[in-house]
Amino acid sequence: MTPEKKRVVVVTGGSRGIGRAICLALSGPGTLIYFNYFSPNDPGGKRVHAKKTETLIEEAGGSAKSSRVNVASEAEVKAFFENIVAETGRIDVLINNAGITKDKLLMRMNELDWDAVMAVNLKGAFHCIRFAARAMVNQRFGRIINIASIVGVIGNAGQANYVASKAGIIGLTKTAAREFAQRGITVNAVAPGFIETDMTASLPQKVRESMVAQIPLGRTGKPEDVAHMVAFLASDEAAYITGQVIHVSGGMYI
């Protein structure tokens, strides 16, 4: 990449939480970050969060552009990536972070809850990898980082759909890493443990205490803990790392 060209980064689910932290960790002069947000129930609220993320990215010296895109929709993802390539000519880094939960015990979970989580968490990553890889293959360079979860490895009661989607992300990561390696594209996954986000903040206090008790480091993680690992995997220093699942969990999975 020539010095005058900006590094083009795409982050799904970048409006807040871990996604926002990732956007900020990758921000800086010479970086253009595209990120999406989507909430069918609260589009206005998500847009407010997205504007805040754009401001923070620009304050860090980068450039930002957000779009309302449902990653579960092939047509919307295709248009999103085609627009990015039309504007910039390239895609250097893709972080698949978008995800939802619809928790219930397996016996009580219905098909709609199963399909909704799998569509966003797993099929969404599949769509994004397919369309981003077209640009990366042509330029013979790329970094793809998928956000998995510790529960995709160890399981978790009441989250069969979420766990299955994250286990699928791990398998997708390993297969994509093998398919794209000869084109200069690395594909890795980061598996967060108990991270302080809006999702975990809604858990009952007793559940939180029980989870913290399982963490050898004795504390919850921060979105920045995950973001720092993502930033490393997106860097030139990680050029010889591919097909790996790196846990950021304070030792919950050893």
C-alpha atoms as a PDB file:
ATOM      1  CA  MET A   1       0.000   0.000   0.000  1.00  0.00           C
ATOM      2  CA  THR A   2       1.442   3.338  -1.026  1.00  0.00           C
ATOM      3  CA  PRO A   3       1.813   6.039   1.653  1.00  0.00           C
ATOM      4  CA  GLU A   4      -0.922   8.258   0.190  1.00  0.00           C
ATOM      5  CA  LYS A   5      -3.558   5.546   0.440  1.00  0.00           C
ATOM      6  CA  LYS A   6      -5.510   5.190   3.643  1.00  0.00           C
ATOM      7  CA  ARG A   7      -5.810   1.909   5.502  1.00  0.00           C
ATOM      8  CA  VAL A   8      -9.414   0.812   5.087  1.00  0.00           C
ATOM      9  CA  VAL A   9     -10.952  -0.992   8.062  1.00  0.00           C
ATOM     10  CA  VAL A  10     -14.462  -2.447   8.306  1.00  0.00           C
ATOM     11  CA  VAL A  11     -15.977  -3.213  11.710  1.00  0.00           C
ATOM     12  CA  THR A  12     -19.426  -4.744  12.063  1.00  0.00           C
ATOM     13  CA  GLY A  13     -21.430  -3.792  15.129  1.00  0.00           C
ATOM     14  CA  GLY A  14     -19.150  -0.843  15.762  1.00  0.00           C
ATOM     15  CA  SER A  15     -21.485   1.663  17.390  1.00  0.00           C
ATOM     16  CA  ARG A  16     -20.745   0.772  21.029  1.00  0.00           C
ATOM     17  CA  GLY A  17     -19.245  -1.770  23.427  1.00  0.00           C
ATOM     18  CA  ILE A  18     -16.502  -4.022  22.091  1.00  0.00           C
ATOM     19  CA  GLY A  19     -17.147  -2.784  18.543  1.00  0.00           C
ATOM     20  CA  ARG A  20     -16.577   0.844  19.497  1.00  0.00           C
ATOM     21  CA  ALA A  21     -13.413  -0.073  21.413  1.00  0.00           C
ATOM     22  CA  ILE A  22     -12.117  -1.904  18.342  1.00  0.00           C
ATOM     23  CA  CYS A  23     -12.822   1.107  16.119  1.00  0.00           C
ATOM     24  CA  LEU A  24     -10.887   3.351  18.486  1.00  0.00           C
ATOM     25  CA  ALA A  25      -7.973   0.920  18.847  1.00  0.00           C
ATOM     26  CA  LEU A  26      -7.569   0.915  15.071  1.00  0.00           C
ATOM     27  CA  SER A  27      -8.054   4.667  14.650  1.00  0.00           C
ATOM     28  CA  GLY A  28      -5.312   7.065  13.755  1.00  0.00           C
ATOM     29  CA  PRO A  29      -3.946   9.213  10.937  1.00  0.00           C
ATOM     30  CA  GLY A  30      -4.175   7.420   7.622  1.00  0.00           C
ATOM     31  CA  THR A  31      -6.998   5.126   8.722  1.00  0.00           C
ATOM     32  CA  LEU A  32     -10.526   5.127   7.310  1.00  0.00           C
ATOM     33  CA  ILE A  33     -13.011   3.117   9.344  1.00  0.00           C
ATOM     34  CA  TYR A  34     -16.361   1.969   8.026  1.00  0.00           C
ATOM     35  CA  PHE A  35     -18.688   0.420  10.573  1.00  0.00           C
ATOM     36  CA  ASN A  36     -22.290  -0.661  10.646  1.00  0.00           C
ATOM     37  CA  TYR A  37     -25.036  -0.586  13.221  1.00  0.00           C
ATOM     38  CA  PHE A  38     -28.471  -2.176  13.164  1.00  0.00           C
ATOM     39  CA  SER A  39     -31.406  -2.469  15.506  1.00  0.00           C
ATOM     40  CA  PRO A  40     -34.895  -3.107  14.116  1.00  0.00           C
ATOM     41  CA  ASN A  41     -36.433  -2.087  17.446  1.00  0.00           C
ATOM     42  CA  ASP A  42     -34.415   1.068  18.129  1.00  0.00           C
ATOM     43  CA  PRO A  43     -32.891   2.497  14.928  1.00  0.00           C
ATOM     44  CA  GLY A  44     -32.724   6.009  16.334  1.00  0.00           C
ATOM     45  CA  GLY A  45     -30.887   4.970  19.483  1.00  0.00           C
ATOM     46  CA  LYS A  46     -28.302   3.026  17.544  1.00  0.00           C
ATOM     47  CA  ARG A  47     -27.763   5.988  15.235  1.00  0.00           C
ATOM     48  CA  VAL A  48     -26.969   8.192  18.245  1.00  0.00           C
ATOM     49  CA  HIS A  49     -24.369   5.673  19.409  1.00  0.00           C
ATOM     50  CA  ALA A  50     -22.946   5.492  15.884  1.00  0.00           C
ATOM     51  CA  LYS A  51     -22.530   9.261  15.658  1.00  0.00           C
ATOM     52  CA  LYS A  52     -20.700   9.216  18.991  1.00  0.00           C
ATOM     53  CA  THR A  53     -18.339   6.540  17.696  1.00  0.00           C
ATOM     54  CA  GLU A  54     -17.690   8.560  14.543  1.00  0.00           C
ATOM     55  CA  THR A  55     -16.775  11.576  16.686  1.00  0.00           C
ATOM     56  CA  LEU A  56     -14.416   9.542  18.880  1.00  0.00           C
ATOM     57  CA  ILE A  57     -12.680   8.050  15.832  1.00  0.00           C
ATOM     58  CA  GLU A  58     -12.144  11.491  14.341  1.00  0.00           C
ATOM     59  CA  GLU A  59     -10.831  12.812  17.668  1.00  0.00           C
ATOM     60  CA  ALA A  60      -8.277   9.973  17.554  1.00  0.00           C
ATOM     61  CA  GLY A  61      -7.090  11.177  14.158  1.00  0.00           C
ATOM     62  CA  GLY A  62      -8.946   8.720  11.927  1.00  0.00           C
ATOM     63  CA  SER A  63     -11.824   9.076   9.511  1.00  0.00           C
ATOM     64  CA  ALA A  64     -15.148   7.322  10.014  1.00  0.00           C
ATOM     65  CA  LYS A  65     -18.332   6.477   8.177  1.00  0.00           C
ATOM     66  CA  SER A  66     -21.238   4.524   9.644  1.00  0.00           C
ATOM     67  CA  SER A  67     -24.138   2.822   7.886  1.00  0.00           C
ATOM     68  CA  ARG A  68     -27.305   1.065   9.005  1.00  0.00           C
ATOM     69  CA  VAL A  69     -26.753  -2.435   7.618  1.00  0.00           C
ATOM     70  CA  ASN A  70     -28.320  -5.735   8.621  1.00  0.00           C
ATOM     71  CA  VAL A  71     -25.476  -8.250   8.296  1.00  0.00           C
ATOM     72  CA  ALA A  72     -28.019 -11.084   8.101  1.00  0.00           C
ATOM     73  CA  SER A  73     -29.109  -9.703   4.710  1.00  0.00           C
ATOM     74  CA  GLU A  74     -26.920 -10.754   1.796  1.00  0.00           C
ATOM     75  CA  ALA A  75     -28.200  -7.887  -0.335  1.00  0.00           C
ATOM     76  CA  GLU A  76     -27.443  -5.231   2.293  1.00  0.00           C
ATOM     77  CA  VAL A  77     -23.964  -6.622   2.985  1.00  0.00           C
ATOM     78  CA  LYS A  78     -23.178  -6.815  -0.732  1.00  0.00           C
ATOM     79  CA  ALA A  79     -24.194  -3.179  -1.235  1.00  0.00           C
ATOM     80  CA  PHE A  80     -22.231  -2.110   1.878  1.00  0.00           C
ATOM     81  CA  PHE A  81     -18.968  -3.627   0.675  1.00  0.00           C
ATOM     82  CA  GLU A  82     -19.427  -2.625  -2.950  1.00  0.00           C
ATOM     83  CA  ASN A  83     -19.859   0.968  -1.819  1.00  0.00           C
ATOM     84  CA  ILE A  84     -16.684   0.815   0.288  1.00  0.00           C
ATOM     85  CA  VAL A  85     -14.640  -0.567  -2.602  1.00  0.00           C
ATOM     86  CA  ALA A  86     -16.124   2.019  -4.984  1.00  0.00           C
ATOM     87  CA  GLU A  87     -15.080   4.821  -2.616  1.00  0.00           C
ATOM     88  CA  THR A  88     -11.644   3.538  -1.585  1.00  0.00           C
ATOM     89  CA  GLY A  89     -10.550   0.839  -4.022  1.00  0.00           C
ATOM     90  CA  ARG A  90      -9.582  -1.569  -1.254  1.00  0.00           C
ATOM     91  CA  ILE A  91     -10.380  -3.270   2.055  1.00  0.00           C
ATOM     92  CA  ASP A  92      -7.451  -3.993   4.343  1.00  0.00           C
ATOM     93  CA  VAL A  93      -9.050  -5.203   7.574  1.00  0.00           C
ATOM     94  CA  LEU A  94     -12.400  -6.787   8.408  1.00  0.00           C
ATOM     95  CA  ILE A  95     -13.574  -7.355  11.977  1.00  0.00           C
ATOM     96  CA  ASN A  96     -16.745  -9.407  12.327  1.00  0.00           C
ATOM     97  CA  ASN A  97     -18.087  -8.239  15.673  1.00  0.00           C
ATOM     98  CA  ALA A  98     -21.855  -7.891  15.141  1.00  0.00           C
ATOM     99  CA  GLY A  99     -23.838 -10.197  17.381  1.00  0.00           C
ATOM    100  CA  ILE A 100     -27.074 -10.645  19.282  1.00  0.00           C
ATOM    101  CA  THR A 101     -28.413 -12.903  22.042  1.00  0.00           C
ATOM    102  CA  LYS A 102     -31.831 -14.430  22.623  1.00  0.00           C
ATOM    103  CA  ASP A 103     -31.219 -16.565  25.691  1.00  0.00           C
ATOM    104  CA  LYS A 104     -33.495 -19.390  26.815  1.00  0.00           C
ATOM    105  CA  LEU A 105     -33.064 -22.928  28.024  1.00  0.00           C
ATOM    106  CA  LEU A 106     -32.851 -25.329  25.108  1.00  0.00           C
ATOM    107  CA  MET A 107     -36.212 -26.973  25.836  1.00  0.00           C
ATOM    108  CA  ARG A 108     -37.922 -23.564  25.802  1.00  0.00           C
ATOM    109  CA  MET A 109     -36.090 -22.041  22.849  1.00  0.00           C
ATOM    110  CA  ASN A 110     -38.169 -21.606  19.727  1.00  0.00           C
ATOM    111  CA  GLU A 111     -37.104 -21.731  16.113  1.00  0.00           C
ATOM    112  CA  LEU A 112     -37.379 -17.966  15.648  1.00  0.00           C
ATOM    113  CA  ASP A 113     -34.896 -17.306  18.475  1.00  0.00           C
ATOM    114  CA  TRP A 114     -32.516 -19.916  17.069  1.00  0.00           C
ATOM    115  CA  ASP A 115     -32.685 -18.581  13.516  1.00  0.00           C
ATOM    116  CA  ALA A 116     -32.352 -14.915  14.512  1.00  0.00           C
ATOM    117  CA  VAL A 117     -29.110 -15.474  16.440  1.00  0.00           C
ATOM    118  CA  MET A 118     -27.584 -17.751  13.825  1.00  0.00           C
ATOM    119  CA  ALA A 119     -28.514 -15.309  11.040  1.00  0.00           C
ATOM    120  CA  VAL A 120     -26.723 -12.350  12.617  1.00  0.00           C
ATOM    121  CA  ASN A 121     -23.835 -14.001  14.441  1.00  0.00           C
ATOM    122  CA  LEU A 122     -22.795 -16.689  11.972  1.00  0.00           C
ATOM    123  CA  LYS A 123     -24.411 -16.038   8.602  1.00  0.00           C
ATOM    124  CA  GLY A 124     -23.594 -12.354   8.991  1.00  0.00           C
ATOM    125  CA  ALA A 125     -19.883 -13.149   9.328  1.00  0.00           C
ATOM    126  CA  PHE A 126     -20.131 -15.480   6.346  1.00  0.00           C
ATOM    127  CA  HIS A 127     -21.640 -12.717   4.198  1.00  0.00           C
ATOM    128  CA  CYS A 128     -19.018 -10.166   5.250  1.00  0.00           C
ATOM    129  CA  ILE A 129     -16.072 -12.490   4.665  1.00  0.00           C
ATOM    130  CA  ARG A 130     -17.326 -13.395   1.191  1.00  0.00           C
ATOM    131  CA  PHE A 131     -17.642  -9.815   0.002  1.00  0.00           C
ATOM    132  CA  ALA A 132     -14.580  -8.383   1.771  1.00  0.00           C
ATOM    133  CA  ALA A 133     -12.407 -11.227   0.503  1.00  0.00           C
ATOM    134  CA  ARG A 134     -13.070 -10.247  -3.104  1.00  0.00           C
ATOM    135  CA  ALA A 135     -11.111  -7.026  -2.617  1.00  0.00           C
ATOM    136  CA  MET A 136      -8.482  -8.677  -0.424  1.00  0.00           C
ATOM    137  CA  VAL A 137      -7.810 -11.463  -2.935  1.00  0.00           C
ATOM    138  CA  ASN A 138      -7.290  -8.916  -5.725  1.00  0.00           C
ATOM    139  CA  GLN A 139      -4.843  -6.877  -3.644  1.00  0.00           C
ATOM    140  CA  ARG A 140      -3.236 -10.064  -2.211  1.00  0.00           C
ATOM    141  CA  PHE A 141      -3.438  -8.708   1.318  1.00  0.00           C
ATOM    142  CA  GLY A 142      -5.945  -8.698   4.115  1.00  0.00           C
ATOM    143  CA  ARG A 143      -6.617  -9.201   7.785  1.00  0.00           C
ATOM    144  CA  ILE A 144      -9.865 -10.827   8.933  1.00  0.00           C
ATOM    145  CA  ILE A 145     -10.612 -11.064  12.660  1.00  0.00           C
ATOM    146  CA  ASN A 146     -13.781 -12.740  13.884  1.00  0.00           C
ATOM    147  CA  ILE A 147     -15.119 -12.125  17.384  1.00  0.00           C
ATOM    148  CA  ALA A 148     -16.029 -15.510  18.844  1.00  0.00           C
ATOM    149  CA  SER A 149     -16.619 -16.189  22.559  1.00  0.00           C
ATOM    150  CA  ILE A 150     -15.315 -18.410  25.311  1.00  0.00           C
ATOM    151  CA  VAL A 151     -18.749 -20.070  25.402  1.00  0.00           C
ATOM    152  CA  GLY A 152     -18.202 -21.270  21.832  1.00  0.00           C
ATOM    153  CA  VAL A 153     -15.559 -23.570  23.321  1.00  0.00           C
ATOM    154  CA  ILE A 154     -16.900 -24.458  26.776  1.00  0.00           C
ATOM    155  CA  GLY A 155     -20.680 -24.090  26.262  1.00  0.00           C
ATOM    156  CA  ASN A 156     -23.139 -22.239  28.488  1.00  0.00           C
ATOM    157  CA  ALA A 157     -26.542 -23.211  29.799  1.00  0.00           C
ATOM    158  CA  GLY A 158     -29.381 -21.109  28.392  1.00  0.00           C
ATOM    159  CA  GLN A 159     -27.436 -20.007  25.312  1.00  0.00           C
ATOM    160  CA  ALA A 160     -27.640 -22.904  22.870  1.00  0.00           C
ATOM    161  CA  ASN A 161     -28.183 -20.612  19.886  1.00  0.00           C
ATOM    162  CA  TYR A 162     -25.448 -18.137  20.852  1.00  0.00           C
ATOM    163  CA  VAL A 163     -22.982 -20.908  21.723  1.00  0.00           C
ATOM    164  CA  ALA A 164     -23.642 -22.718  18.451  1.00  0.00           C
ATOM    165  CA  SER A 165     -23.141 -19.501  16.488  1.00  0.00           C
ATOM    166  CA  LYS A 166     -19.814 -18.785  18.180  1.00  0.00           C
ATOM    167  CA  ALA A 167     -18.616 -22.371  17.783  1.00  0.00           C
ATOM    168  CA  GLY A 168     -19.498 -21.955  14.114  1.00  0.00           C
ATOM    169  CA  ILE A 169     -17.428 -18.766  13.977  1.00  0.00           C
ATOM    170  CA  ILE A 170     -14.418 -20.759  15.165  1.00  0.00           C
ATOM    171  CA  GLY A 171     -14.885 -23.378  12.438  1.00  0.00           C
ATOM    172  CA  LEU A 172     -15.459 -20.676   9.832  1.00  0.00           C
ATOM    173  CA  THR A 173     -12.250 -18.940  10.934  1.00  0.00           C
ATOM    174  CA  LYS A 174     -10.117 -22.056  10.533  1.00  0.00           C
ATOM    175  CA  THR A 175     -11.542 -22.912   7.120  1.00  0.00           C
ATOM    176  CA  ALA A 176     -11.211 -19.357   5.787  1.00  0.00           C
ATOM    177  CA  ALA A 177      -7.621 -19.229   7.062  1.00  0.00           C
ATOM    178  CA  ARG A 178      -6.760 -22.307   4.997  1.00  0.00           C
ATOM    179  CA  GLU A 179      -8.541 -21.060   1.891  1.00  0.00           C
ATOM    180  CA  PHE A 180      -7.056 -17.548   1.866  1.00  0.00           C
ATOM    181  CA  ALA A 181      -3.515 -18.121   3.162  1.00  0.00           C
ATOM    182  CA  GLN A 182      -1.873 -18.234  -0.252  1.00  0.00           C
ATOM    183  CA  ARG A 183      -3.434 -14.860  -1.116  1.00  0.00           C
ATOM    184  CA  GLY A 184      -1.729 -13.042   1.748  1.00  0.00           C
ATOM    185  CA  ILE A 185      -4.875 -12.952   3.884  1.00  0.00           C
ATOM    186  CA  THR A 186      -4.779 -14.002   7.533  1.00  0.00           C
ATOM    187  CA  VAL A 187      -7.923 -15.057   9.384  1.00  0.00           C
ATOM    188  CA  ASN A 188      -8.059 -15.329  13.163  1.00  0.00           C
ATOM    189  CA  ALA A 189     -10.632 -15.289  15.947  1.00  0.00           C
ATOM    190  CA  VAL A 190     -10.651 -13.580  19.328  1.00  0.00           C
ATOM    191  CA  ALA A 191     -12.714 -15.266  22.033  1.00  0.00           C
ATOM    192  CA  PRO A 192     -13.673 -12.843  24.828  1.00  0.00           C
ATOM    193  CA  GLY A 193     -14.644 -14.057  28.268  1.00  0.00           C
ATOM    194  CA  PHE A 194     -16.719 -12.016  30.726  1.00  0.00           C
ATOM    195  CA  ILE A 195     -16.368  -8.476  29.345  1.00  0.00           C
ATOM    196  CA  GLU A 196     -18.111  -5.394  30.756  1.00  0.00           C
ATOM    197  CA  THR A 197     -20.655  -4.455  28.081  1.00  0.00           C
ATOM    198  CA  ASP A 198     -24.336  -3.522  27.948  1.00  0.00           C
ATOM    199  CA  MET A 199     -25.048  -7.211  27.355  1.00  0.00           C
ATOM    200  CA  THR A 200     -23.340  -8.394  30.545  1.00  0.00           C
ATOM    201  CA  ALA A 201     -24.480  -5.390  32.587  1.00  0.00           C
ATOM    202  CA  SER A 202     -28.059  -6.690  32.451  1.00  0.00           C
ATOM    203  CA  LEU A 203     -27.140  -9.926  34.245  1.00  0.00           C
ATOM    204  CA  PRO A 204     -28.339 -10.401  37.846  1.00  0.00           C
ATOM    205  CA  GLN A 205     -25.732  -9.584  40.497  1.00  0.00           C
ATOM    206  CA  LYS A 206     -25.516 -13.178  41.710  1.00  0.00           C
ATOM    207  CA  VAL A 207     -24.817 -14.407  38.195  1.00  0.00           C
ATOM    208  CA  ARG A 208     -22.091 -11.788  37.752  1.00  0.00           C
ATOM    209  CA  GLU A 209     -20.473 -12.758  41.048  1.00  0.00           C
ATOM    210  CA  SER A 210     -20.569 -16.423  40.091  1.00  0.00           C
ATOM    211  CA  MET A 211     -18.861 -15.705  36.762  1.00  0.00           C
ATOM    212  CA  VAL A 212     -16.165 -13.501  38.289  1.00  0.00           C
ATOM    213  CA  ALA A 213     -15.402 -16.313  40.748  1.00  0.00           C
ATOM    214  CA  GLN A 214     -14.422 -18.470  37.755  1.00  0.00           C
ATOM    215  CA  ILE A 215     -11.851 -15.950  36.475  1.00  0.00           C
ATOM    216  CA  PRO A 216      -8.295 -16.628  37.726  1.00  0.00           C
ATOM    217  CA  LEU A 217      -7.378 -12.946  37.386  1.00  0.00           C
ATOM    218  CA  GLY A 218     -10.315 -12.150  39.670  1.00  0.00           C
ATOM    219  CA  ARG A 219     -11.946  -9.419  37.594  1.00  0.00           C
ATOM    220  CA  THR A 220     -14.056  -8.833  34.534  1.00  0.00           C
ATOM    221  CA  GLY A 221     -12.493  -7.658  31.313  1.00  0.00           C
ATOM    222  CA  LYS A 222     -12.961  -4.367  29.509  1.00  0.00           C
ATOM    223  CA  PRO A 223     -13.824  -3.861  25.843  1.00  0.00           C
ATOM    224  CA  GLU A 224     -10.350  -2.373  25.417  1.00  0.00           C
ATOM    225  CA  ASP A 225      -8.787  -5.701  26.461  1.00  0.00           C
ATOM    226  CA  VAL A 226     -10.391  -7.326  23.439  1.00  0.00           C
ATOM    227  CA  ALA A 227      -9.681  -4.366  21.180  1.00  0.00           C
ATOM    228  CA  HIS A 228      -5.939  -4.424  21.889  1.00  0.00           C
ATOM    229  CA  MET A 229      -5.727  -8.057  20.755  1.00  0.00           C
ATOM    230  CA  VAL A 230      -7.722  -7.284  17.626  1.00  0.00           C
ATOM    231  CA  ALA A 231      -5.419  -4.370  16.832  1.00  0.00           C
ATOM    232  CA  PHE A 232      -2.392  -6.654  17.142  1.00  0.00           C
ATOM    233  CA  LEU A 233      -3.888  -9.303  14.842  1.00  0.00           C
ATOM    234  CA  ALA A 234      -4.658  -6.564  12.311  1.00  0.00           C
ATOM    235  CA  SER A 235      -1.063  -5.311  12.365  1.00  0.00           C
ATOM    236  CA  ASP A 236       1.971  -6.179  10.267  1.00  0.00           C
ATOM    237  CA  GLU A 237       3.522  -7.751  13.357  1.00  0.00           C
ATOM    238  CA  ALA A 238       0.901 -10.535  13.209  1.00  0.00           C
ATOM    239  CA  ALA A 239       1.598 -11.461   9.591  1.00  0.00           C
ATOM    240  CA  TYR A 240       2.625 -15.036  10.488  1.00  0.00           C
ATOM    241  CA  ILE A 241      -0.427 -15.793  12.628  1.00  0.00           C
ATOM    242  CA  THR A 242      -3.492 -17.339  10.995  1.00  0.00           C
ATOM    243  CA  GLY A 243      -6.218 -19.833  11.838  1.00  0.00           C
ATOM    244  CA  GLN A 244      -5.895 -19.179  15.568  1.00  0.00           C
ATOM    245  CA  VAL A 245      -8.458 -18.653  18.333  1.00  0.00           C
ATOM    246  CA  ILE A 246      -7.005 -16.362  20.983  1.00  0.00           C
ATOM    247  CA  HIS A 247      -8.823 -16.192  24.303  1.00  0.00           C
ATOM    248  CA  VAL A 248      -9.093 -12.862  26.110  1.00  0.00           C
ATOM    249  CA  SER A 249     -10.759 -14.142  29.267  1.00  0.00           C
ATOM    250  CA  GLY A 250      -8.567 -13.524  32.299  1.00  0.00           C
ATOM    251  CA  GLY A 251      -7.775 -17.242  32.374  1.00  0.00           C
ATOM    252  CA  MET A 252     -11.352 -18.606  32.345  1.00  0.00           C
ATOM    253  CA  TYR A 253     -10.260 -21.006  29.616  1.00  0.00           C
ATOM    254  CA  ILE A 254      -6.898 -22.596  30.400  1.00  0.00           C
END
